[in-house]
Amino acid sequence: MSDSTAVVEIFSDGACSGNPGPGGWGTLLRWDGHTKELSGFEAQTTNNRMEMMAAIAGLEALKRPCRARVTTDSQYLYKGITEWIHGWRKKGWKNSKKEEVANRDLWERLLELTSKHQVEWHWVRGHNGHPENERCDELARAAITAGA
């Protein structure tokens, strides 16, 4: 990226048919007038894992360190990465109930990715007319249909 002040916008969403069940994720990246869409499928997963995978895939698609703005409709992902993760790490990946943190493997992947980039996290209400969020939901649901 030649302009170090430019921000890559990443929109992400996950979906599950049953929870747990077949799941899909969708990600839309936008930078400098270009848009890239990504999606994926897992046969047996949870909605929270798909929400996380959508953000991970978006960040993994970045070819070099940059500024990124990740928008999600998942309170679990948003609060997890901006608030809860600091306490989990201090407590040896235990939650407030002193239980192992769910999805630790994905939280650790997100931490690694966020250490490579300057990432801002934003939350939007799902299914509320946000065009990019709606598109990511379509991509996630299409991935379930294609993979099932």
Protein backbone atom coordinates (compact mmCIF):
# COMPACT_ATOMS: atom_id res chain seq x y z
CA MET A 1 0.00 0.00 0.00
CA SER A 2 1.65 3.21 -1.08
CA ASP A 3 -0.51 5.55 1.00
CA SER A 4 0.15 4.70 4.66
CA THR A 5 -2.87 6.77 5.73
CA ALA A 6 -5.34 4.79 3.60
CA VAL A 7 -7.64 2.45 5.46
CA VAL A 8 -8.75 -0.94 4.19
CA GLU A 9 -12.39 -1.45 5.12
CA ILE A 10 -13.29 -5.01 6.11
CA PHE A 11 -16.89 -6.03 6.66
CA SER A 12 -17.59 -9.47 8.09
CA ASP A 13 -20.46 -11.74 9.04
CA GLY A 14 -21.02 -15.36 9.98
CA ALA A 15 -24.04 -17.63 9.86
CA CYS A 16 -24.96 -21.08 11.09
CA SER A 17 -27.78 -23.45 10.19
CA GLY A 18 -28.36 -24.76 13.68
CA ASN A 19 -25.91 -23.82 16.42
CA PRO A 20 -23.85 -25.95 16.24
CA GLY A 21 -24.36 -27.01 12.67
CA PRO A 22 -23.19 -26.22 9.14
CA GLY A 23 -21.78 -22.70 9.04
CA GLY A 24 -20.55 -20.08 6.63
CA TRP A 25 -18.77 -16.78 6.74
CA GLY A 26 -18.59 -13.82 4.39
CA THR A 27 -16.12 -10.96 4.15
CA LEU A 28 -16.00 -7.88 1.98
CA LEU A 29 -12.78 -5.85 1.67
CA ARG A 30 -12.70 -2.38 0.16
CA TRP A 31 -9.68 -0.23 -0.60
CA ASP A 32 -8.94 2.47 -3.15
CA GLY A 33 -12.10 1.84 -5.17
CA HIS A 34 -11.60 -1.94 -5.27
CA THR A 35 -13.82 -4.53 -3.61
CA LYS A 36 -12.99 -8.16 -2.88
CA GLU A 37 -15.45 -10.72 -1.53
CA LEU A 38 -14.47 -13.91 0.29
CA SER A 39 -16.51 -16.68 1.87
CA GLY A 40 -16.07 -20.09 3.43
CA PHE A 41 -17.89 -23.09 4.86
CA GLU A 42 -17.47 -25.49 7.78
CA ALA A 43 -19.60 -28.59 8.12
CA GLN A 44 -19.89 -28.54 11.92
CA THR A 45 -19.31 -25.27 13.75
CA THR A 46 -20.94 -22.48 15.75
CA ASN A 47 -22.17 -19.04 14.82
CA ASN A 48 -19.50 -17.40 17.00
CA ARG A 49 -16.72 -19.29 15.21
CA MET A 50 -18.08 -18.21 11.83
CA GLU A 51 -18.25 -14.56 12.96
CA MET A 52 -14.61 -14.83 14.00
CA MET A 53 -13.53 -16.64 10.82
CA ALA A 54 -15.03 -13.88 8.69
CA ALA A 55 -12.87 -11.25 10.41
CA ILE A 56 -9.80 -13.52 10.36
CA ALA A 57 -10.18 -14.17 6.63
CA GLY A 58 -10.46 -10.46 5.94
CA LEU A 59 -7.32 -9.66 7.92
CA GLU A 60 -5.43 -12.62 6.43
CA ALA A 61 -6.22 -11.30 2.95
CA LEU A 62 -4.12 -8.20 3.62
CA LYS A 63 -0.83 -8.58 1.79
CA ARG A 64 1.24 -6.20 3.95
CA PRO A 65 0.88 -4.29 7.23
CA CYS A 66 -1.75 -1.56 6.96
CA ARG A 67 -4.56 0.29 8.67
CA ALA A 68 -7.81 -1.65 8.69
CA ARG A 69 -11.32 -0.92 9.90
CA VAL A 70 -13.21 -4.13 10.68
CA THR A 71 -16.98 -3.87 10.95
CA THR A 72 -18.97 -6.73 12.49
CA ASP A 73 -22.50 -7.27 13.76
CA SER A 74 -21.25 -9.74 16.37
CA GLN A 75 -21.17 -8.43 19.94
CA TYR A 76 -19.19 -11.57 20.84
CA LEU A 77 -16.43 -10.74 18.37
CA TYR A 78 -16.49 -6.99 19.00
CA LYS A 79 -16.46 -7.14 22.80
CA GLY A 80 -14.16 -10.15 22.81
CA ILE A 81 -11.40 -8.45 20.81
CA THR A 82 -11.81 -4.94 22.26
CA GLU A 83 -12.57 -5.72 25.93
CA TRP A 84 -12.57 -9.31 27.18
CA ILE A 85 -9.39 -10.62 25.57
CA HIS A 86 -7.10 -8.58 27.83
CA GLY A 87 -8.53 -10.21 30.97
CA TRP A 88 -8.56 -13.66 29.40
CA ARG A 89 -4.85 -13.42 28.62
CA LYS A 90 -4.01 -12.17 32.13
CA LYS A 91 -5.99 -15.05 33.65
CA GLY A 92 -4.33 -17.72 31.49
CA TRP A 93 -7.21 -17.90 28.99
CA LYS A 94 -9.86 -18.40 31.69
CA ASN A 95 -13.18 -16.56 31.58
CA SER A 96 -15.03 -14.93 34.48
CA LYS A 97 -16.34 -18.37 35.51
CA LYS A 98 -12.74 -19.65 35.65
CA GLU A 99 -13.47 -21.91 32.65
CA GLU A 100 -11.38 -22.25 29.51
CA VAL A 101 -12.16 -19.47 27.01
CA ALA A 102 -14.18 -20.82 24.08
CA ASN A 103 -12.59 -20.48 20.65
CA ARG A 104 -9.14 -19.75 22.07
CA ASP A 105 -7.54 -20.96 18.82
CA LEU A 106 -9.35 -18.26 16.85
CA TRP A 107 -8.76 -15.54 19.48
CA GLU A 108 -5.04 -16.28 19.27
CA ARG A 109 -5.16 -16.04 15.45
CA LEU A 110 -6.92 -12.68 15.75
CA LEU A 111 -4.32 -11.43 18.23
CA GLU A 112 -1.52 -12.40 15.86
CA LEU A 113 -3.22 -10.64 12.95
CA THR A 114 -3.98 -7.49 14.93
CA SER A 115 -0.32 -7.29 15.95
CA LYS A 116 0.61 -6.98 12.25
CA HIS A 117 -1.88 -4.24 11.39
CA GLN A 118 -3.43 -1.12 12.92
CA VAL A 119 -6.98 -2.37 13.39
CA GLU A 120 -10.05 -0.38 14.41
CA TRP A 121 -13.09 -2.44 15.39
CA HIS A 122 -16.65 -1.25 14.76
CA TRP A 123 -19.97 -2.82 15.62
CA VAL A 124 -23.21 -2.42 13.62
CA ARG A 125 -26.64 -3.84 14.31
CA GLY A 126 -27.21 -6.90 12.12
CA HIS A 127 -30.09 -7.17 9.65
CA ASN A 128 -30.65 -3.44 9.91
CA GLY A 129 -30.10 -2.31 6.33
CA HIS A 130 -26.31 -1.83 6.48
CA PRO A 131 -25.44 -2.66 2.83
CA GLU A 132 -22.04 -4.25 3.42
CA ASN A 133 -23.23 -6.21 6.45
CA GLU A 134 -26.21 -7.47 4.45
CA ARG A 135 -23.89 -8.52 1.61
CA CYS A 136 -21.63 -10.41 4.02
CA ASP A 137 -24.68 -12.17 5.43
CA GLU A 138 -25.64 -13.19 1.87
CA LEU A 139 -22.12 -14.53 1.26
CA ALA A 140 -22.17 -16.50 4.52
CA ARG A 141 -25.59 -18.04 3.84
CA ALA A 142 -24.61 -18.87 0.24
CA ALA A 143 -21.50 -20.64 1.55
CA ILE A 144 -23.71 -22.83 3.77
CA THR A 145 -25.98 -23.68 0.83
CA ALA A 146 -23.02 -24.46 -1.45
CA GLY A 147 -21.22 -26.52 1.18
CA ALA A 148 -24.16 -28.47 2.53
